[in-house]
Amino acid sequence: MTVEVDNKSTIESSISNQLSFKSSIGSNPSEIVSKEKNPSKWKNKKKDSSSDWHFVISGFASGCATRFLCQPLDVLKIRFQLQIEPISRSSEISKYRSLSQTFVSIVREESIFGLWKGHVSAQILSGIYGMAYFSTFEILTRTTMKWLFDHEDYISHKQAIQTKPLVNFVCGSMAGFTGTMLSHPFDVVRTRMVSQSEPKTYLNTRQAIILMAQKEGLIGFYRGFLPTLMQIMPFSGAQFATYKFFKDQWLQQFGCDHISIRLNDEDRRQFLIQSSFVCGALSGFVAKLLVYPLDLVKKRLQIRGFEEGRGIGFGQTPYYQGFLHCITHTIQTEKFSAFYKGLLPSIFKSTLSTALHFWLYESFVKLFQELS
């Protein structure tokens, strides 16, 4: 009996040590256990050592780094999404017929730098989005959970714990909304830079912004905004909710009871950060699979008003009157399967980019914690 108590004490001590590095994203199930045992810990808990600006800078840096590494996959995805003709090796009328053929075609016609087309606007997009995305989620989840635990007259402590997955989904959705509001204009510019044919309509990001402002006004920078929100809010909510779920399961299976009790504090922190890569990859895969059709509609609406920039080299470029017309026209002319054009590079890109995003974000947060 004494041995069992000692073992239990050792494991509980190990679990508490894991909590030395955490944020709203990186917390684990044992944190919930400790709060259930002592609710006052949450109520009276001081603000985490990572101040809000740590989250802002970490989100910006992780967004830029992830974009640089994943931009070629994004270019391939966009080319597939905008192509009306079938994506099939047997299609003689299609410019792009497979992943490998598209890669070779872009490199041959546009050089290796063609895979980074629109990279400047994409970097601005990803930096701003990552900055708003993670900091908004951190602040909202921290504030919401504190409010729930501070109002036990209206909701029991157990109920507050049970609402955490819903809180992650809602706060993740709002984080996606905030990031999209701030970064969407650069998403439109990026899409047009990637989709234009030769000779180029836009020579660089600055010229694209000026010409769009002159010809289309502010509305031009928010083309496809409705389907973007319809896609990004559930995507962001699902991404954070599934990430937290996978992270909790990972720590329960491998962290708390098996590996972590044999690691020193530094190795344990590294283990927790590395788990972010695996769990981020899983959440990116699941979330993208759920909302992909809306991503395709968004991309097609973003080039509305830019039909001449596409030229004839990329095939047909139909004019869509709006969100519903884009959906019905796509079904009528290309069948329902068209909503999954470019799914393979998109899933691969989402899986890799989400893994990198969460991993880099938590690594930067850890770095700032050590420096502060």
Protein backbone atom coordinates (compact mmCIF):
# COMPACT_ATOMS: atom_id res chain seq x y z
CA MET A 1 0.00 0.00 0.00
CA THR A 2 2.84 2.38 0.83
CA VAL A 3 4.52 1.62 -2.47
CA GLU A 4 1.34 2.47 -4.39
CA VAL A 5 1.02 5.80 -2.60
CA ASP A 6 4.68 6.62 -3.28
CA ASN A 7 4.29 5.79 -6.99
CA LYS A 8 1.17 7.88 -7.19
CA SER A 9 2.95 10.75 -5.49
CA THR A 10 5.85 10.47 -7.96
CA ILE A 11 3.53 10.60 -10.96
CA GLU A 12 1.53 13.53 -9.54
CA SER A 13 4.79 15.38 -8.92
CA SER A 14 5.87 14.68 -12.50
CA ILE A 15 2.54 15.93 -13.81
CA SER A 16 2.82 19.17 -11.87
CA ASN A 17 6.31 19.70 -13.30
CA GLN A 18 4.92 19.45 -16.83
CA LEU A 19 2.77 22.46 -16.10
CA SER A 20 5.86 24.67 -15.77
CA PHE A 21 5.56 25.30 -19.52
CA LYS A 22 2.07 26.01 -20.77
CA SER A 23 -0.23 28.43 -22.50
CA SER A 24 -3.93 28.12 -23.29
CA ILE A 25 -2.91 26.00 -26.27
CA GLY A 26 -0.24 23.93 -24.59
CA SER A 27 -2.02 23.05 -21.34
CA ASN A 28 -2.80 19.42 -20.62
CA PRO A 29 -5.44 17.24 -18.95
CA SER A 30 -3.62 17.13 -15.62
CA GLU A 31 -4.14 20.89 -15.39
CA ILE A 32 -7.87 20.26 -15.43
CA VAL A 33 -7.50 17.63 -12.70
CA SER A 34 -5.68 20.06 -10.43
CA LYS A 35 -8.35 22.69 -11.00
CA GLU A 36 -11.12 20.22 -10.17
CA LYS A 37 -9.41 19.41 -6.87
CA ASN A 38 -8.87 23.05 -6.00
CA PRO A 39 -11.06 25.53 -7.94
CA SER A 40 -9.54 28.48 -6.13
CA LYS A 41 -6.27 27.86 -7.96
CA TRP A 42 -7.88 29.00 -11.20
CA LYS A 43 -9.68 31.93 -9.65
CA ASN A 44 -6.63 33.31 -7.91
CA LYS A 45 -4.13 32.22 -10.53
CA LYS A 46 -1.75 34.96 -11.60
CA LYS A 47 -1.31 35.77 -15.25
CA ASP A 48 0.99 33.37 -17.09
CA SER A 49 4.61 34.49 -17.40
CA SER A 50 4.06 34.86 -21.14
CA SER A 51 2.52 38.29 -21.52
CA ASP A 52 0.16 39.03 -24.38
CA TRP A 53 2.90 40.49 -26.56
CA HIS A 54 4.71 37.14 -26.37
CA PHE A 55 1.69 35.55 -28.01
CA VAL A 56 1.53 38.32 -30.63
CA ILE A 57 5.20 38.06 -31.62
CA SER A 58 5.21 34.26 -31.49
CA GLY A 59 2.13 34.13 -33.72
CA PHE A 60 3.67 36.53 -36.24
CA ALA A 61 7.02 34.71 -36.37
CA SER A 62 5.49 31.24 -36.65
CA GLY A 63 3.15 32.46 -39.41
CA CYS A 64 6.00 33.87 -41.50
CA ALA A 65 8.22 30.81 -41.07
CA THR A 66 5.41 28.39 -41.90
CA ARG A 67 4.43 30.37 -45.00
CA PHE A 68 7.96 30.35 -46.41
CA LEU A 69 8.20 26.58 -46.08
CA CYS A 70 4.71 25.77 -47.39
CA GLN A 71 4.20 28.37 -50.14
CA PRO A 72 4.93 25.95 -53.04
CA LEU A 73 2.11 23.67 -51.88
CA ASP A 74 -0.21 26.66 -51.72
CA VAL A 75 0.66 27.65 -55.29
CA LEU A 76 -0.12 24.12 -56.51
CA LYS A 77 -3.39 24.10 -54.59
CA ILE A 78 -4.56 27.44 -55.98
CA ARG A 79 -3.72 26.46 -59.57
CA PHE A 80 -5.85 23.32 -59.18
CA GLN A 81 -8.73 25.15 -57.50
CA LEU A 82 -9.03 27.76 -60.24
CA GLN A 83 -8.87 25.31 -63.14
CA ILE A 84 -12.30 24.59 -64.64
CA GLU A 85 -11.08 21.73 -66.85
CA PRO A 86 -10.76 18.23 -65.29
CA ILE A 87 -7.66 17.41 -63.30
CA SER A 88 -6.90 14.11 -64.96
CA ARG A 89 -3.90 12.58 -66.67
CA SER A 90 -6.13 11.56 -69.59
CA SER A 91 -7.52 15.08 -70.19
CA GLU A 92 -6.01 16.70 -73.27
CA ILE A 93 -7.68 20.09 -72.71
CA SER A 94 -6.36 20.61 -69.17
CA LYS A 95 -3.24 22.62 -68.44
CA TYR A 96 -2.69 20.90 -65.10
CA ARG A 97 -3.36 17.16 -65.00
CA SER A 98 -1.56 15.84 -61.92
CA LEU A 99 0.53 16.97 -58.98
CA SER A 100 3.87 15.99 -60.49
CA GLN A 101 3.00 17.34 -63.96
CA THR A 102 1.88 20.67 -62.45
CA PHE A 103 5.08 20.98 -60.43
CA VAL A 104 7.25 20.34 -63.50
CA SER A 105 5.13 22.66 -65.66
CA ILE A 106 5.44 25.59 -63.25
CA VAL A 107 9.20 25.16 -62.85
CA ARG A 108 9.71 24.84 -66.62
CA GLU A 109 7.53 27.83 -67.58
CA GLU A 110 8.10 30.16 -64.62
CA SER A 111 11.37 28.87 -63.09
CA ILE A 112 11.68 27.52 -59.56
CA PHE A 113 10.62 30.93 -58.24
CA GLY A 114 7.19 30.35 -59.75
CA LEU A 115 6.51 28.09 -56.78
CA TRP A 116 6.88 31.16 -54.56
CA LYS A 117 4.69 33.44 -56.67
CA GLY A 118 2.88 35.98 -54.51
CA HIS A 119 5.22 35.23 -51.62
CA VAL A 120 5.53 38.83 -50.39
CA SER A 121 1.77 39.29 -50.01
CA ALA A 122 1.53 35.75 -48.63
CA GLN A 123 4.15 36.54 -45.97
CA ILE A 124 2.27 39.66 -44.90
CA LEU A 125 -0.95 37.64 -44.88
CA SER A 126 0.51 34.84 -42.76
CA GLY A 127 2.32 37.13 -40.35
CA ILE A 128 -0.76 39.25 -39.64
CA TYR A 129 -3.05 36.24 -39.51
CA GLY A 130 -0.78 34.24 -37.18
CA MET A 131 -0.33 37.26 -34.91
CA ALA A 132 -4.09 37.84 -34.57
CA TYR A 133 -4.99 34.14 -34.62
CA PHE A 134 -2.97 32.87 -31.68
CA SER A 135 -3.09 35.98 -29.49
CA THR A 136 -6.88 36.24 -29.86
CA PHE A 137 -7.32 32.59 -28.96
CA GLU A 138 -5.03 32.85 -25.94
CA ILE A 139 -6.75 35.96 -24.58
CA LEU A 140 -10.30 34.74 -25.25
CA THR A 141 -9.82 31.28 -23.75
CA ARG A 142 -8.07 32.67 -20.69
CA THR A 143 -10.79 35.27 -20.14
CA THR A 144 -13.67 32.87 -20.83
CA MET A 145 -12.43 30.08 -18.57
CA LYS A 146 -11.71 32.55 -15.78
CA TRP A 147 -15.25 33.93 -16.10
CA LEU A 148 -16.74 30.42 -15.96
CA PHE A 149 -14.81 29.52 -12.81
CA ASP A 150 -15.64 32.89 -11.24
CA HIS A 151 -19.41 32.40 -11.71
CA GLU A 152 -20.14 29.13 -9.98
CA ASP A 153 -23.49 30.57 -8.88
CA TYR A 154 -24.65 30.09 -12.48
CA ILE A 155 -22.59 27.09 -13.54
CA SER A 156 -21.02 24.32 -11.47
CA HIS A 157 -17.29 23.76 -11.50
CA LYS A 158 -17.72 20.39 -13.20
CA GLN A 159 -19.89 21.97 -15.89
CA ALA A 160 -17.26 24.66 -16.44
CA ILE A 161 -14.66 21.93 -17.03
CA GLN A 162 -16.99 20.09 -19.42
CA THR A 163 -17.49 23.23 -21.52
CA LYS A 164 -13.78 23.49 -22.32
CA PRO A 165 -14.04 21.76 -25.76
CA LEU A 166 -16.87 24.12 -26.70
CA VAL A 167 -14.87 27.10 -25.42
CA ASN A 168 -11.91 26.01 -27.56
CA PHE A 169 -14.15 25.75 -30.63
CA VAL A 170 -15.90 29.11 -30.13
CA CYS A 171 -12.71 30.98 -29.21
CA GLY A 172 -10.92 29.34 -32.13
CA SER A 173 -13.69 30.48 -34.46
CA MET A 174 -13.45 34.04 -33.17
CA ALA A 175 -9.67 33.92 -33.55
CA GLY A 176 -10.16 32.91 -37.18
CA PHE A 177 -12.63 35.76 -37.68
CA THR A 178 -10.22 38.33 -36.23
CA GLY A 179 -7.29 37.07 -38.26
CA THR A 180 -9.33 37.04 -41.47
CA MET A 181 -10.67 40.56 -40.99
CA LEU A 182 -7.13 41.89 -40.72
CA SER A 183 -5.42 39.75 -43.36
CA HIS A 184 -8.03 39.09 -46.08
CA PRO A 185 -6.90 41.92 -48.42
CA PHE A 186 -3.47 40.30 -48.66
CA ASP A 187 -5.10 36.93 -49.29
CA VAL A 188 -6.87 38.37 -52.35
CA VAL A 189 -3.64 39.97 -53.60
CA ARG A 190 -1.76 36.70 -53.04
CA THR A 191 -4.37 34.69 -54.95
CA ARG A 192 -4.20 37.03 -57.93
CA MET A 193 -0.42 37.08 -57.98
CA VAL A 194 -0.37 33.28 -58.02
CA SER A 195 -3.12 32.91 -60.64
CA GLN A 196 -2.00 35.47 -63.25
CA SER A 197 -0.59 34.37 -66.59
CA GLU A 198 2.15 35.88 -68.77
CA PRO A 199 2.48 38.76 -69.50
CA LYS A 200 1.82 39.66 -65.90
CA THR A 201 -0.88 42.16 -64.99
CA TYR A 202 0.76 42.81 -61.62
CA LEU A 203 4.55 43.03 -61.53
CA ASN A 204 4.74 43.10 -57.74
CA THR A 205 2.62 43.31 -54.60
CA ARG A 206 2.78 47.11 -54.40
CA GLN A 207 1.53 47.53 -57.96
CA ALA A 208 -1.22 44.98 -57.37
CA ILE A 209 -2.49 46.93 -54.36
CA ILE A 210 -2.43 50.25 -56.25
CA LEU A 211 -4.19 48.91 -59.36
CA MET A 212 -6.82 47.07 -57.34
CA ALA A 213 -7.54 50.18 -55.29
CA GLN A 214 -7.89 52.30 -58.44
CA LYS A 215 -10.05 49.87 -60.43
CA GLU A 216 -12.12 48.11 -57.77
CA GLY A 217 -11.94 50.19 -54.62
CA LEU A 218 -12.06 48.71 -51.12
CA ILE A 219 -14.55 46.02 -52.14
CA GLY A 220 -11.93 44.47 -54.40
CA PHE A 221 -9.77 43.61 -51.40
CA TYR A 222 -12.64 41.78 -49.73
CA ARG A 223 -13.79 39.65 -52.64
CA GLY A 224 -14.73 36.18 -51.45
CA PHE A 225 -14.95 37.42 -47.85
CA LEU A 226 -18.26 35.67 -47.05
CA PRO A 227 -17.15 32.17 -48.11
CA THR A 228 -13.81 32.86 -46.44
CA LEU A 229 -15.55 33.49 -43.11
CA MET A 230 -17.84 30.52 -43.67
CA GLN A 231 -14.75 28.41 -44.21
CA ILE A 232 -12.28 29.89 -41.74
CA MET A 233 -14.51 30.14 -38.66
CA PRO A 234 -15.48 26.44 -38.49
CA PHE A 235 -11.98 25.53 -39.70
CA SER A 236 -10.30 27.53 -36.93
CA GLY A 237 -12.74 26.26 -34.33
CA ALA A 238 -12.24 22.67 -35.43
CA GLN A 239 -8.49 23.17 -35.63
CA PHE A 240 -8.12 24.38 -32.05
CA ALA A 241 -10.72 21.96 -30.65
CA THR A 242 -9.18 18.91 -32.34
CA TYR A 243 -5.66 20.08 -31.52
CA LYS A 244 -6.55 20.31 -27.84
CA PHE A 245 -8.28 16.93 -27.98
CA PHE A 246 -5.32 15.20 -29.65
CA LYS A 247 -2.87 16.96 -27.32
CA ASP A 248 -4.79 15.81 -24.24
CA GLN A 249 -4.93 12.24 -25.56
CA TRP A 250 -1.22 12.32 -26.43
CA LEU A 251 -0.25 13.46 -22.95
CA GLN A 252 -2.53 10.93 -21.28
CA GLN A 253 -1.08 8.07 -23.33
CA PHE A 254 2.58 9.05 -23.56
CA GLY A 255 3.27 12.03 -21.35
CA CYS A 256 1.90 11.77 -17.86
CA ASP A 257 2.29 8.10 -16.94
CA HIS A 258 5.04 6.75 -19.20
CA ILE A 259 7.73 8.95 -20.67
CA SER A 260 7.69 12.19 -18.70
CA ILE A 261 8.51 10.72 -15.28
CA ARG A 262 11.87 9.57 -16.69
CA LEU A 263 12.79 12.96 -18.18
CA ASN A 264 14.40 16.00 -16.63
CA ASP A 265 12.60 19.37 -16.81
CA GLU A 266 14.29 20.50 -20.05
CA ASP A 267 13.67 17.22 -21.88
CA ARG A 268 10.09 17.23 -20.64
CA ARG A 269 9.49 20.68 -22.10
CA GLN A 270 11.00 19.54 -25.40
CA PHE A 271 8.73 16.48 -25.36
CA LEU A 272 5.66 18.66 -24.85
CA ILE A 273 6.67 20.95 -27.71
CA GLN A 274 7.38 18.04 -30.06
CA SER A 275 3.95 16.63 -29.32
CA SER A 276 2.60 19.89 -30.75
CA PHE A 277 3.92 18.90 -34.19
CA VAL A 278 2.11 15.56 -34.25
CA CYS A 279 -1.14 16.88 -32.78
CA GLY A 280 -1.02 19.93 -35.04
CA ALA A 281 -0.67 17.68 -38.09
CA LEU A 282 -3.71 15.64 -37.07
CA SER A 283 -5.84 18.72 -36.38
CA GLY A 284 -4.84 20.30 -39.71
CA PHE A 285 -5.83 17.16 -41.60
CA VAL A 286 -9.24 16.83 -39.93
CA ALA A 287 -10.15 20.53 -40.07
CA LYS A 288 -9.22 20.99 -43.75
CA LEU A 289 -11.13 17.88 -44.80
CA LEU A 290 -14.28 19.27 -43.18
CA VAL A 291 -14.29 22.69 -44.87
CA TYR A 292 -12.40 22.21 -48.14
CA PRO A 293 -15.31 22.90 -50.59
CA LEU A 294 -15.71 26.40 -49.12
CA ASP A 295 -12.00 27.03 -49.66
CA LEU A 296 -12.40 26.31 -53.37
CA VAL A 297 -15.41 28.65 -53.66
CA LYS A 298 -13.44 31.36 -51.85
CA LYS A 299 -10.53 31.14 -54.27
CA ARG A 300 -12.77 31.33 -57.34
CA LEU A 301 -14.56 34.40 -56.04
CA GLN A 302 -11.30 36.15 -55.17
CA ILE A 303 -10.31 36.41 -58.85
CA ARG A 304 -13.65 37.97 -59.85
CA GLY A 305 -12.81 41.19 -61.66
CA PHE A 306 -9.41 39.77 -62.60
CA GLU A 307 -10.53 37.58 -65.49
CA GLU A 308 -8.28 39.34 -68.00
CA GLY A 309 -5.24 38.65 -65.81
CA ARG A 310 -5.80 34.93 -66.12
CA GLY A 311 -5.40 35.02 -69.91
CA ILE A 312 -6.09 31.97 -72.04
CA GLY A 313 -3.15 29.90 -70.83
CA PHE A 314 -5.01 28.65 -67.77
CA GLY A 315 -8.20 27.61 -69.58
CA GLN A 316 -11.72 28.90 -68.91
CA THR A 317 -12.40 31.63 -66.37
CA PRO A 318 -16.16 31.87 -65.80
CA TYR A 319 -17.75 34.93 -64.20
CA TYR A 320 -19.50 34.25 -60.90
CA GLN A 321 -22.21 36.64 -59.74
CA GLY A 322 -21.79 35.67 -56.13
CA PHE A 323 -21.42 32.90 -53.57
CA LEU A 324 -24.53 30.87 -54.45
CA HIS A 325 -24.00 31.29 -58.20
CA CYS A 326 -20.45 29.98 -57.86
CA ILE A 327 -21.73 26.87 -56.09
CA THR A 328 -24.59 26.15 -58.52
CA HIS A 329 -22.49 26.89 -61.61
CA THR A 330 -19.70 24.62 -60.39
CA ILE A 331 -22.15 21.75 -59.79
CA GLN A 332 -23.83 22.23 -63.17
CA THR A 333 -20.64 22.44 -65.23
CA GLU A 334 -18.14 20.33 -63.30
CA LYS A 335 -20.24 18.12 -60.98
CA PHE A 336 -20.00 17.94 -57.20
CA SER A 337 -16.55 16.33 -57.28
CA ALA A 338 -15.16 19.66 -58.53
CA PHE A 339 -15.40 21.01 -54.99
CA TYR A 340 -12.50 18.73 -54.12
CA LYS A 341 -10.16 19.84 -56.89
CA GLY A 342 -6.70 20.33 -55.43
CA LEU A 343 -7.61 18.37 -52.30
CA LEU A 344 -4.38 16.35 -52.24
CA PRO A 345 -1.90 19.28 -52.15
CA SER A 346 -4.30 21.19 -49.90
CA ILE A 347 -4.53 18.38 -47.34
CA PHE A 348 -0.78 17.87 -47.47
CA LYS A 349 -0.20 21.59 -47.08
CA SER A 350 -2.73 21.95 -44.24
CA THR A 351 -1.29 18.97 -42.37
CA LEU A 352 2.29 20.21 -42.69
CA SER A 353 1.56 23.90 -42.16
CA THR A 354 -0.63 23.34 -39.08
CA ALA A 355 2.00 21.05 -37.57
CA LEU A 356 4.70 23.64 -38.20
CA HIS A 357 2.48 26.51 -37.05
CA PHE A 358 1.68 25.03 -33.64
CA TRP A 359 5.17 23.62 -33.16
CA LEU A 360 6.90 26.90 -34.05
CA TYR A 361 4.40 28.94 -32.06
CA GLU A 362 4.93 26.97 -28.86
CA SER A 363 8.69 26.96 -29.46
CA PHE A 364 8.70 30.77 -29.73
CA VAL A 365 6.53 31.08 -26.61
CA LYS A 366 8.99 28.84 -24.75
CA LEU A 367 11.90 30.97 -25.99
CA PHE A 368 10.26 34.18 -24.76
CA GLN A 369 9.50 32.57 -21.41
CA GLU A 370 13.16 31.71 -20.96
CA LEU A 371 14.29 35.19 -21.99
CA SER A 372 11.83 37.03 -19.74
